[in-house]
Structure formats: C-alpha cells, structure tokens
Amino acid sequence: MNDILIFVAVVTVSMAPLAAIMYYIVRKSFLKTVVISLVSISFYMLLTGYIAGLYGLKSLFITAPLAIPVVIAILVYYNKNISKPIQKLSANVINDFSQGNLGLAFDANTLRRNDEFGEISRGLEEMRQRMISTVKVIKSLSERVSLTSEEQRSNALKMSQDASEQASSVEEISSTMEEIVTNIEQNTQNAKETEDVSIEAFHSIREVGDSTIKTVESFNKIAEKISVINDIAFQTNILALNAAVEAARAGSEGKGFSVVASEVRKLAEHSKAAADEIISLVKRTVEMTEKNGKTMVLTVPKIENTTKLVQEIYTASSEQNSGANQVNHAIQQLNDVTQQYAAASEELATSSEELSEKAQQLKKAISFFKLNNGNEPVYYSKKSSITPSKSTVSKVVKSSPAENKREPVFNLETKGFNIDLGGQEADDNEFERF
C-alpha cells in the first residue's frame, strides 16, 4: 500500500509541472477545462492500470472510491462552465433570436467571461444591438418610403389631372389656331384677288389717262378746224355784204343778185354762230377733259401705291399664314407631349402605389422582429469590431446612454443609407451598391 502512495505522489509531482505549463499556455477557460479533464483522466487511467497490474483487481476495487470526488469535481466544473452557459445561450438568446425577439439582453456575468462563451456572448450582443439599430432604421425608412410614395402618388395624380386639363386647353388652342389659319388663308386669297384687281385697275386708269390726253388733242384739232370754218363764214359774210352793195349800185338788174347775196350773208352768219357755239363747247369739253386728265394723273400714283400696299398685305398674309401653320404644328407637338406627360404621370402614380404596397410589405416583414426592451439603438463607429476583451464587455454592459450617443453609422441622406455591420472595408466590394 505504501508503494501505491509513493507511486501516486511521484506521478502527481511529475505531472504537476506539465499541468502548470499547459495551464499557462492555454489561457481559455474552456480549453483549460478540457486540458485539466484530460490530464485528470489520464492520471486516473495510469493509476488504476498500475494498481490493477501490480496488486490485482481487489486492490483496484479498494482504491476506486478515491476517484469518485475527482469525477464529481470534474462534472461540477463541466456543468458550471460549459453546460449552463450553453443552456442559457440556447434558451434565453438563440430561441429569442429565432422568434425575432431582440429585446432580451445577455446576462452581464456571461458577457464578462474571458472564455469562448464570453466572446460568443459579446459578439451576439453586439450583433443584437446592430440588428436593433438596423431594424429601427429599416422601420423608419419604410415609414419614410411609405409616406414619400403616398405624397408622390398624390403629386402624380395632381400632375396627371393638371396634364389632362392642359391637354384640353391645348386642344382648344389648337382648334382656335386652325380657325385662325383658315381665316388667314382666306385673307391671303382675298388679298391676292385684290392685288390682281388693283393691278388691272391701275393699267385701265393709265389707259384712260392716255386716252384722255389723246381726246384733248383731238378736241384741240377740232377747235382749230372749227376756227377755220368760222373764219370762212366771216369772210363769206363780208363777201355777201360787198355783193349786196354792188347789187344796189346796179339798180334793178342787181336785185336778184342782191337777194342771193342776202341769203348767203344769212347763211354765213348762221355758220359763224354755230361755229362759235361749237368752239365754246369744245373749249369747255377740253377744259373738263384736261381737268379729268390731271385727276387721272394724280390718281394713277395713288392707285399704284394702293397696289403696292395690297401686294405687301398679300406678302404679309402669306408669311402670317406660314407662321400660323408653324405655331399650329408646335401646338400639335405640345399636345402630344402633354398627352405623354399625362400618361407618364399616371404611370408614376401606379408606380408610387406599387412602391407604397412594397413599403407596407416591408413593414409587415420587419414587424417579425420585436423590440420590446425600450432601449435606444447602440451606435458603433465605422471601425468597431468584435474583440473578446474587457473593453468590449464594458462597452456593451457598462456604457452609459451619453457615451453611446456617438456618430451613427446610418447615413440617412437623400442618396440612400449605409449600414456598417463591423466588417472589413474590403468586404464591401462583395455586396451590391444602390
């Protein structure tokens, strides 16, 4: 029996340095537990094997009860450091995570542990905080998207209504412009006809003026001829008077000749009177004709100016007709654009309604997560990462709300949002950017 005690003492003394070295190298509690357990089991197997080989099974049965406290101690150690943390992690956290409940925080003692369970707990706690922040941001964004889509839909409907009214107004303007174009075309045609009539009247009046000048010349020639006749009548009257004087001298033989001379004198006087009357009429006719000629001469430039004005009116009417046609064409294009604008507004309203439905679906989907702890989301800096150290424990467990009010990682600018989940910057390239 003394040999057994000596052997146990020797083995214990020889294995103690090895256990101390392994305890120093392996600093994790979980690995320490495993190493201590393996060393204890190896020691127990070595001891029982030696006893059974040297003294037989009877001696082994006598010394076996000595191992019971060791086994109980190992089981208690396993239960405290491995089994219970796993049960707490599974029952209190993982099950809640699977049900979408993010409100239950980790146990502070578990978070302060320096082993793998502490690291896992701190990592899950940080992930929970990030998920809470992300869920709140998504909820807020879904609310914003829903409100924005509703406003956009309302604006799109108003735009569609305004576009329809504008299209109706453009159609009325187009109809009015068509009437204006028709009137302008009619005015252009009338101006063209007036121009033709003015040109024809101009030529006719010019011909009348020329004819008037020739008529005056003819009347002047007639007056000259009648003056000759008047002179002949005057000379005939003198000759008849001389013949009467000579007949009176002749006595009775010249009575017949005296009668003839008297008749000739009367005819000469009548001829002279008629010639004088004709000359007077011709003079008055010439004066009137000359006056009309002067009027024609003054009228011809006016008619010529009128013809030019009518030509300018025709040219302006043609240009106005062309411009009105261009305006009408532009109004037709504006009408087409307005119709397209109205259709696009209706499509925008439909898209906004679909976006609102998608936002409602997103809100319904995100409502799976329950944030019933009432805490504000914990914001982390962009370079934060999961580190199994006491600083991480104090950050998660002992940090005050004032210390947690740092710059959010959620960028809620108009260009979108950026959610930092603590990954490396190089990993961002593996995700799609919006």
Protein backbone atom coordinates (compact mmCIF):
# COMPACT_ATOMS: atom_id res chain seq x y z
CA MET A 1 0.00 0.00 0.00
CA ASN A 2 2.95 2.27 0.69
CA ASP A 3 4.16 1.56 -2.82
CA ILE A 4 0.85 2.82 -4.21
CA LEU A 5 1.03 6.02 -2.21
CA ILE A 6 4.62 6.54 -3.27
CA PHE A 7 3.63 5.93 -6.92
CA VAL A 8 0.73 8.38 -6.67
CA ALA A 9 2.98 11.00 -5.12
CA VAL A 10 5.66 10.52 -7.77
CA VAL A 11 3.18 10.70 -10.65
CA THR A 12 1.46 13.74 -9.14
CA VAL A 13 4.73 15.56 -8.64
CA SER A 14 5.89 14.66 -12.17
CA MET A 15 2.62 15.73 -13.85
CA ALA A 16 2.13 18.94 -11.86
CA PRO A 17 4.74 20.91 -13.89
CA LEU A 18 3.21 19.62 -17.13
CA ALA A 19 -0.27 20.71 -15.99
CA ALA A 20 1.09 24.12 -14.93
CA ILE A 21 2.79 24.60 -18.30
CA MET A 22 -0.41 23.63 -20.19
CA TYR A 23 -2.44 25.90 -17.90
CA TYR A 24 -0.14 28.82 -18.75
CA ILE A 25 -0.11 28.13 -22.47
CA VAL A 26 -3.85 27.51 -22.76
CA ARG A 27 -5.43 30.59 -21.19
CA LYS A 28 -9.01 30.00 -22.28
CA SER A 29 -11.25 28.59 -19.58
CA PHE A 30 -12.91 26.16 -21.94
CA LEU A 31 -9.59 24.78 -23.18
CA LYS A 32 -8.28 24.76 -19.62
CA THR A 33 -11.27 22.69 -18.62
CA VAL A 34 -10.61 20.22 -21.41
CA VAL A 35 -6.88 20.02 -20.65
CA ILE A 36 -7.43 19.58 -16.92
CA SER A 37 -10.05 16.94 -17.62
CA LEU A 38 -7.74 15.03 -19.99
CA VAL A 39 -4.85 15.23 -17.55
CA SER A 40 -7.06 14.04 -14.69
CA ILE A 41 -8.49 11.18 -16.74
CA SER A 42 -5.00 10.19 -17.94
CA PHE A 43 -3.72 10.28 -14.41
CA TYR A 44 -6.65 8.21 -13.17
CA MET A 45 -6.22 5.66 -16.01
CA LEU A 46 -2.49 5.43 -15.34
CA LEU A 47 -3.07 5.00 -11.64
CA THR A 48 -5.81 2.39 -12.00
CA GLY A 49 -3.78 0.49 -14.58
CA TYR A 50 -0.75 0.43 -12.35
CA ILE A 51 -2.76 -0.73 -9.34
CA ALA A 52 -4.56 -3.41 -11.32
CA GLY A 53 -1.32 -4.68 -12.80
CA LEU A 54 0.69 -4.66 -9.62
CA TYR A 55 -1.79 -5.66 -6.94
CA GLY A 56 -4.75 -7.12 -8.81
CA LEU A 57 -8.37 -6.11 -9.16
CA LYS A 58 -9.06 -6.43 -5.47
CA SER A 59 -6.75 -3.60 -4.66
CA LEU A 60 -8.31 -1.63 -7.57
CA PHE A 61 -11.77 -2.00 -6.06
CA ILE A 62 -10.40 -0.84 -2.72
CA THR A 63 -8.86 2.35 -4.20
CA ALA A 64 -11.65 3.07 -6.72
CA PRO A 65 -13.73 5.15 -4.29
CA LEU A 66 -10.81 7.57 -4.14
CA ALA A 67 -11.59 8.64 -7.75
CA ILE A 68 -15.25 9.49 -7.06
CA PRO A 69 -14.54 13.00 -5.67
CA VAL A 70 -12.37 13.73 -8.70
CA VAL A 71 -15.10 12.65 -11.10
CA ILE A 72 -17.72 14.67 -9.19
CA ALA A 73 -15.47 17.72 -9.24
CA ILE A 74 -14.96 17.34 -13.00
CA LEU A 75 -18.71 17.00 -13.59
CA VAL A 76 -19.49 20.02 -11.41
CA TYR A 77 -16.84 22.03 -13.27
CA TYR A 78 -18.26 20.96 -16.65
CA ASN A 79 -21.78 21.78 -15.57
CA LYS A 80 -20.84 25.24 -14.30
CA ASN A 81 -18.53 26.34 -17.08
CA ILE A 82 -19.92 24.53 -20.14
CA SER A 83 -23.39 23.08 -19.72
CA LYS A 84 -25.13 26.02 -18.02
CA PRO A 85 -23.71 28.70 -20.35
CA ILE A 86 -24.78 26.63 -23.36
CA GLN A 87 -28.26 26.20 -21.88
CA LYS A 88 -28.56 29.92 -21.17
CA LEU A 89 -27.27 30.81 -24.62
CA SER A 90 -29.68 28.42 -26.29
CA ALA A 91 -32.75 29.02 -24.15
CA ASN A 92 -32.55 32.74 -23.49
CA VAL A 93 -30.94 34.15 -26.61
CA ILE A 94 -30.87 31.88 -29.63
CA ASN A 95 -34.51 30.85 -29.22
CA ASP A 96 -35.50 34.51 -28.86
CA PHE A 97 -33.46 35.38 -31.94
CA SER A 98 -35.19 32.64 -33.90
CA GLN A 99 -38.57 34.10 -32.84
CA GLY A 100 -37.50 37.60 -33.84
CA ASN A 101 -37.35 38.86 -30.26
CA LEU A 102 -34.37 41.18 -29.96
CA GLY A 103 -35.41 42.76 -26.68
CA LEU A 104 -33.84 40.22 -24.30
CA ALA A 105 -30.26 41.18 -23.45
CA PHE A 106 -27.45 38.81 -22.46
CA ASP A 107 -26.58 38.07 -18.87
CA ALA A 108 -23.94 40.51 -17.62
CA ASN A 109 -21.91 37.73 -15.99
CA THR A 110 -21.80 35.81 -19.26
CA LEU A 111 -20.64 38.94 -21.10
CA ARG A 112 -17.80 39.41 -18.58
CA ARG A 113 -16.41 35.92 -19.13
CA ASN A 114 -13.00 35.71 -20.78
CA ASP A 115 -13.54 32.36 -22.48
CA GLU A 116 -15.12 31.41 -25.79
CA PHE A 117 -18.63 31.72 -24.34
CA GLY A 118 -17.86 35.29 -23.34
CA GLU A 119 -16.61 36.06 -26.84
CA ILE A 120 -19.68 34.45 -28.40
CA SER A 121 -21.98 36.28 -26.00
CA ARG A 122 -20.33 39.63 -26.64
CA GLY A 123 -20.40 39.03 -30.37
CA LEU A 124 -24.08 38.06 -30.29
CA GLU A 125 -24.87 41.01 -28.03
CA GLU A 126 -23.14 43.37 -30.41
CA MET A 127 -24.93 41.73 -33.33
CA ARG A 128 -28.23 42.10 -31.42
CA GLN A 129 -27.57 45.78 -30.86
CA ARG A 130 -26.70 46.20 -34.52
CA MET A 131 -29.80 44.29 -35.56
CA ILE A 132 -31.91 46.50 -33.29
CA SER A 133 -30.39 49.57 -34.89
CA THR A 134 -30.81 48.11 -38.36
CA VAL A 135 -34.42 47.11 -37.74
CA LYS A 136 -35.24 50.55 -36.38
CA VAL A 137 -33.59 52.19 -39.35
CA ILE A 138 -35.43 49.89 -41.75
CA LYS A 139 -38.70 50.63 -39.98
CA SER A 140 -38.00 54.35 -40.14
CA LEU A 141 -37.02 54.11 -43.79
CA SER A 142 -40.08 52.02 -44.62
CA GLU A 143 -42.24 54.68 -42.96
CA ARG A 144 -40.46 57.34 -44.97
CA VAL A 145 -40.81 55.34 -48.17
CA SER A 146 -44.49 54.80 -47.44
CA LEU A 147 -45.11 58.49 -46.75
CA THR A 148 -42.98 59.55 -49.70
CA SER A 149 -44.73 57.13 -52.03
CA GLU A 150 -48.12 58.40 -50.86
CA GLU A 151 -47.04 62.00 -51.41
CA GLN A 152 -45.55 61.04 -54.76
CA ARG A 153 -48.74 59.27 -55.73
CA SER A 154 -50.80 62.30 -54.70
CA ASN A 155 -48.50 64.60 -56.64
CA ALA A 156 -48.57 62.27 -59.63
CA LEU A 157 -52.37 62.23 -59.62
CA LYS A 158 -52.41 66.03 -59.40
CA MET A 159 -49.85 66.21 -62.19
CA SER A 160 -51.97 63.85 -64.27
CA GLN A 161 -55.05 65.98 -63.64
CA ASP A 162 -53.15 69.16 -64.49
CA ALA A 163 -51.76 67.50 -67.60
CA SER A 164 -55.25 66.46 -68.68
CA GLU A 165 -56.53 70.00 -68.16
CA GLN A 166 -53.53 71.35 -70.02
CA ALA A 167 -54.14 68.89 -72.84
CA SER A 168 -57.76 70.06 -73.04
CA SER A 169 -56.61 73.68 -73.14
CA VAL A 170 -54.04 72.87 -75.81
CA GLU A 171 -56.71 71.15 -77.89
CA GLU A 172 -58.90 74.25 -77.62
CA ILE A 173 -55.96 76.44 -78.61
CA SER A 174 -55.21 74.09 -81.49
CA SER A 175 -58.81 74.32 -82.69
CA THR A 176 -58.68 78.11 -82.43
CA MET A 177 -55.38 78.19 -84.30
CA GLU A 178 -56.87 76.07 -87.07
CA GLU A 179 -59.69 78.61 -87.42
CA ILE A 180 -57.14 81.43 -87.42
CA VAL A 181 -55.11 79.65 -90.08
CA THR A 182 -58.26 79.22 -92.18
CA ASN A 183 -59.10 82.92 -91.81
CA ILE A 184 -55.55 83.91 -92.66
CA GLU A 185 -55.64 81.72 -95.76
CA GLN A 186 -58.94 83.34 -96.76
CA ASN A 187 -57.46 86.81 -96.16
CA THR A 188 -54.42 85.84 -98.19
CA GLN A 189 -56.64 84.72 -101.06
CA ASN A 190 -58.68 87.93 -100.83
CA ALA A 191 -55.50 90.00 -100.78
CA LYS A 192 -54.30 88.15 -103.87
CA GLU A 193 -57.56 88.85 -105.69
CA THR A 194 -57.49 92.49 -104.55
CA GLU A 195 -53.93 92.75 -105.82
CA ASP A 196 -54.97 91.44 -109.22
CA VAL A 197 -57.93 93.85 -109.36
CA SER A 198 -55.72 96.76 -108.29
CA ILE A 199 -53.16 95.97 -110.96
CA GLU A 200 -55.87 95.70 -113.59
CA ALA A 201 -57.47 98.97 -112.41
CA PHE A 202 -54.05 100.61 -112.46
CA HIS A 203 -53.49 99.63 -116.06
CA SER A 204 -57.06 100.61 -117.01
CA ILE A 205 -56.76 104.04 -115.42
CA ARG A 206 -53.41 104.54 -117.08
CA GLU A 207 -55.02 103.68 -120.42
CA VAL A 208 -57.90 106.06 -119.63
CA GLY A 209 -55.36 108.78 -118.88
CA ASP A 210 -53.62 108.16 -122.15
CA SER A 211 -56.99 108.18 -123.96
CA THR A 212 -57.91 111.44 -122.22
CA ILE A 213 -54.72 113.07 -123.43
CA LYS A 214 -55.45 111.91 -126.97
CA THR A 215 -59.06 113.13 -126.64
CA VAL A 216 -57.85 116.59 -125.59
CA GLU A 217 -55.53 116.66 -128.55
CA SER A 218 -58.42 115.65 -130.85
CA PHE A 219 -60.69 118.34 -129.37
CA ASN A 220 -57.97 120.90 -129.89
CA LYS A 221 -57.68 119.88 -133.52
CA ILE A 222 -61.47 120.07 -133.89
CA ALA A 223 -61.41 123.55 -132.38
CA GLU A 224 -58.75 124.56 -134.85
CA LYS A 225 -60.82 123.27 -137.75
CA ILE A 226 -63.96 124.99 -136.48
CA SER A 227 -61.97 128.22 -136.17
CA VAL A 228 -61.14 127.87 -139.85
CA ILE A 229 -64.83 127.38 -140.63
CA ASN A 230 -65.62 130.44 -138.51
CA ASP A 231 -63.11 132.46 -140.48
CA ILE A 232 -64.60 131.22 -143.74
CA ALA A 233 -68.08 132.21 -142.57
CA PHE A 234 -66.76 135.63 -141.59
CA GLN A 235 -65.16 136.08 -144.98
CA THR A 236 -68.33 134.83 -146.69
CA ASN A 237 -70.39 137.34 -144.73
CA ILE A 238 -68.09 140.14 -145.89
CA LEU A 239 -68.29 138.93 -149.46
CA ALA A 240 -72.09 138.79 -149.27
CA LEU A 241 -72.13 142.30 -147.88
CA ASN A 242 -69.94 143.52 -150.74
CA ALA A 243 -72.18 141.70 -153.22
CA ALA A 244 -75.24 143.45 -151.77
CA VAL A 245 -73.52 146.80 -152.14
CA GLU A 246 -72.65 146.08 -155.72
CA ALA A 247 -76.21 144.88 -156.40
CA ALA A 248 -77.58 148.13 -155.02
CA ARG A 249 -75.36 150.05 -157.38
CA ALA A 250 -76.54 148.01 -160.32
CA GLY A 251 -80.11 149.03 -159.75
CA SER A 252 -82.90 146.87 -160.99
CA GLU A 253 -80.55 144.50 -162.77
CA GLY A 254 -78.87 143.63 -159.50
CA LYS A 255 -81.98 142.82 -157.40
CA GLY A 256 -81.70 139.10 -157.88
CA PHE A 257 -78.06 139.14 -157.13
CA SER A 258 -78.85 141.20 -154.03
CA VAL A 259 -81.34 138.59 -152.81
CA VAL A 260 -78.75 135.85 -153.28
CA ALA A 261 -76.11 137.86 -151.53
CA SER A 262 -78.51 138.46 -148.63
CA GLU A 263 -79.21 134.76 -148.29
CA VAL A 264 -75.53 133.94 -148.46
CA ARG A 265 -74.85 136.51 -145.75
CA LYS A 266 -77.55 134.96 -143.54
CA LEU A 267 -76.04 131.50 -144.04
CA ALA A 268 -72.62 132.87 -143.24
CA GLU A 269 -73.94 134.46 -140.06
CA HIS A 270 -75.65 131.21 -139.02
CA SER A 271 -72.47 129.26 -139.81
CA LYS A 272 -70.41 131.68 -137.77
CA ALA A 273 -72.85 131.47 -134.85
CA ALA A 274 -72.82 127.66 -134.98
CA ALA A 275 -69.04 127.65 -135.26
CA ASP A 276 -68.74 129.99 -132.28
CA GLU A 277 -71.07 127.74 -130.25
CA ILE A 278 -69.13 124.63 -131.25
CA ILE A 279 -65.86 126.33 -130.33
CA SER A 280 -67.31 127.25 -126.93
CA LEU A 281 -68.47 123.67 -126.35
CA VAL A 282 -65.13 122.31 -127.47
CA LYS A 283 -63.29 124.66 -125.13
CA ARG A 284 -65.46 123.62 -122.18
CA THR A 285 -65.03 119.96 -123.14
CA VAL A 286 -61.28 120.42 -123.43
CA GLU A 287 -61.17 122.12 -120.04
CA MET A 288 -63.18 119.29 -118.44
CA THR A 289 -61.10 116.66 -120.20
CA GLU A 290 -57.87 118.34 -119.14
CA LYS A 291 -59.19 118.55 -115.58
CA ASN A 292 -60.09 114.84 -115.68
CA GLY A 293 -56.69 114.12 -117.16
CA LYS A 294 -54.97 115.94 -114.33
CA THR A 295 -57.15 114.00 -111.88
CA MET A 296 -56.15 110.77 -113.63
CA VAL A 297 -52.51 111.77 -113.44
CA LEU A 298 -52.86 112.35 -109.69
CA THR A 299 -54.92 109.17 -109.22
CA VAL A 300 -52.50 106.85 -111.02
CA PRO A 301 -49.71 107.11 -108.35
CA LYS A 302 -52.27 106.60 -105.60
CA ILE A 303 -53.60 103.52 -107.31
CA GLU A 304 -50.02 102.38 -107.82
CA ASN A 305 -49.32 102.86 -104.10
CA THR A 306 -52.55 101.06 -103.28
CA THR A 307 -51.43 98.19 -105.50
CA LYS A 308 -48.08 98.06 -103.70
CA LEU A 309 -49.83 98.09 -100.32
CA VAL A 310 -52.09 95.27 -101.43
CA GLN A 311 -49.01 93.35 -102.58
CA GLU A 312 -47.40 93.93 -99.18
CA ILE A 313 -50.61 92.80 -97.48
CA TYR A 314 -50.55 89.67 -99.61
CA THR A 315 -46.89 89.02 -98.75
CA ALA A 316 -47.53 89.64 -95.04
CA SER A 317 -50.60 87.41 -95.15
CA SER A 318 -48.53 84.65 -96.77
CA GLU A 319 -45.85 84.98 -94.08
CA GLN A 320 -48.52 85.12 -91.40
CA ASN A 321 -50.09 82.00 -92.84
CA SER A 322 -46.73 80.22 -92.76
CA GLY A 323 -46.10 81.36 -89.17
CA ALA A 324 -49.59 80.34 -88.10
CA ASN A 325 -49.02 76.89 -89.63
CA GLN A 326 -45.76 76.59 -87.70
CA VAL A 327 -47.49 77.68 -84.48
CA ASN A 328 -50.27 75.18 -85.14
CA HIS A 329 -47.68 72.43 -85.72
CA ALA A 330 -45.89 73.40 -82.50
CA ILE A 331 -49.19 73.31 -80.62
CA GLN A 332 -49.85 69.84 -82.01
CA GLN A 333 -46.43 68.73 -80.78
CA LEU A 334 -47.16 70.35 -77.40
CA ASN A 335 -50.43 68.45 -77.32
CA ASP A 336 -48.58 65.19 -78.00
CA VAL A 337 -46.03 65.99 -75.28
CA THR A 338 -48.83 66.87 -72.87
CA GLN A 339 -50.55 63.56 -73.61
CA GLN A 340 -47.28 61.72 -72.98
CA TYR A 341 -46.81 63.75 -69.79
CA ALA A 342 -50.27 62.78 -68.62
CA ALA A 343 -49.58 59.10 -69.41
CA ALA A 344 -46.23 59.29 -67.59
CA SER A 345 -47.94 60.89 -64.59
CA GLU A 346 -50.45 58.06 -64.49
CA GLU A 347 -47.62 55.52 -64.70
CA LEU A 348 -45.83 57.38 -61.91
CA ALA A 349 -48.97 57.24 -59.79
CA THR A 350 -49.22 53.49 -60.44
CA SER A 351 -45.53 53.01 -59.59
CA SER A 352 -45.95 55.07 -56.42
CA GLU A 353 -48.90 52.93 -55.40
CA GLU A 354 -46.85 49.78 -56.02
CA LEU A 355 -43.98 51.31 -54.03
CA SER A 356 -46.37 52.04 -51.18
CA GLU A 357 -47.56 48.43 -51.26
CA LYS A 358 -43.94 47.23 -51.20
CA ALA A 359 -43.26 49.52 -48.25
CA GLN A 360 -46.25 48.05 -46.42
CA GLN A 361 -44.97 44.55 -47.19
CA LEU A 362 -41.54 45.58 -45.88
CA LYS A 363 -43.11 46.94 -42.69
CA LYS A 364 -45.07 43.72 -42.30
CA ALA A 365 -41.91 41.65 -42.84
CA ILE A 366 -39.82 43.72 -40.43
CA SER A 367 -42.55 43.53 -37.80
CA PHE A 368 -41.32 39.96 -37.23
CA PHE A 369 -38.59 41.47 -35.05
CA LYS A 370 -39.80 42.57 -31.63
CA LEU A 371 -38.03 45.46 -29.92
CA ASN A 372 -39.78 45.42 -26.57
CA ASN A 373 -36.88 46.42 -24.36
CA GLY A 374 -37.43 50.10 -24.99
CA ASN A 375 -33.71 50.86 -25.32
CA GLU A 376 -32.30 53.19 -27.90
CA PRO A 377 -30.14 51.58 -30.58
CA VAL A 378 -26.44 51.37 -29.80
CA TYR A 379 -24.36 53.18 -32.44
CA TYR A 380 -20.91 51.94 -33.27
CA SER A 381 -18.10 53.70 -35.04
CA LYS A 382 -17.20 52.57 -38.53
CA LYS A 383 -14.00 50.86 -37.36
CA SER A 384 -15.59 48.92 -34.50
CA SER A 385 -15.19 45.16 -34.50
CA ILE A 386 -15.92 42.26 -32.17
CA THR A 387 -12.99 41.96 -29.80
CA PRO A 388 -13.04 39.45 -26.89
CA SER A 389 -11.64 41.83 -24.33
CA LYS A 390 -12.77 43.65 -21.22
CA SER A 391 -13.16 46.88 -23.20
CA THR A 392 -15.83 45.20 -25.29
CA VAL A 393 -17.61 44.00 -22.15
CA SER A 394 -17.58 47.45 -20.63
CA LYS A 395 -18.78 48.95 -23.92
CA VAL A 396 -21.73 46.59 -24.10
CA VAL A 397 -22.63 46.29 -20.41
CA LYS A 398 -21.43 49.38 -18.54
CA SER A 399 -21.60 52.13 -21.13
CA SER A 400 -24.00 54.95 -20.33
CA PRO A 401 -26.51 56.39 -22.80
CA ALA A 402 -24.45 59.59 -23.03
CA GLU A 403 -21.37 57.59 -24.04
CA ASN A 404 -23.39 55.71 -26.62
CA LYS A 405 -24.54 58.91 -28.38
CA ARG A 406 -21.78 58.85 -30.90
CA GLU A 407 -21.93 59.41 -34.62
CA PRO A 408 -24.42 56.95 -36.12
CA VAL A 409 -23.26 54.63 -38.83
CA PHE A 410 -26.57 55.01 -40.62
CA ASN A 411 -26.34 57.67 -43.25
CA LEU A 412 -29.90 58.94 -43.79
CA GLU A 413 -29.04 61.37 -46.54
CA THR A 414 -31.03 61.60 -49.71
CA LYS A 415 -28.58 59.37 -51.60
CA GLY A 416 -29.50 56.28 -49.60
CA PHE A 417 -28.21 54.76 -46.41
CA ASN A 418 -25.09 52.91 -45.34
CA ILE A 419 -25.26 50.28 -42.62
CA ASP A 420 -21.96 49.31 -41.05
CA LEU A 421 -22.04 45.81 -39.57
CA GLY A 422 -18.45 45.89 -38.43
CA GLY A 423 -16.96 44.03 -41.37
CA GLN A 424 -13.70 44.82 -43.12
CA GLU A 425 -13.69 47.56 -45.72
CA ALA A 426 -12.55 45.13 -48.39
CA ASP A 427 -15.68 43.05 -47.86
CA ASP A 428 -17.86 45.90 -49.08
CA ASN A 429 -16.92 45.11 -52.67
CA GLU A 430 -18.72 41.79 -52.42
CA PHE A 431 -22.09 43.49 -51.97
CA GLU A 432 -24.23 45.33 -54.45
CA ARG A 433 -24.36 49.09 -54.00
CA PHE A 434 -27.56 51.06 -54.57
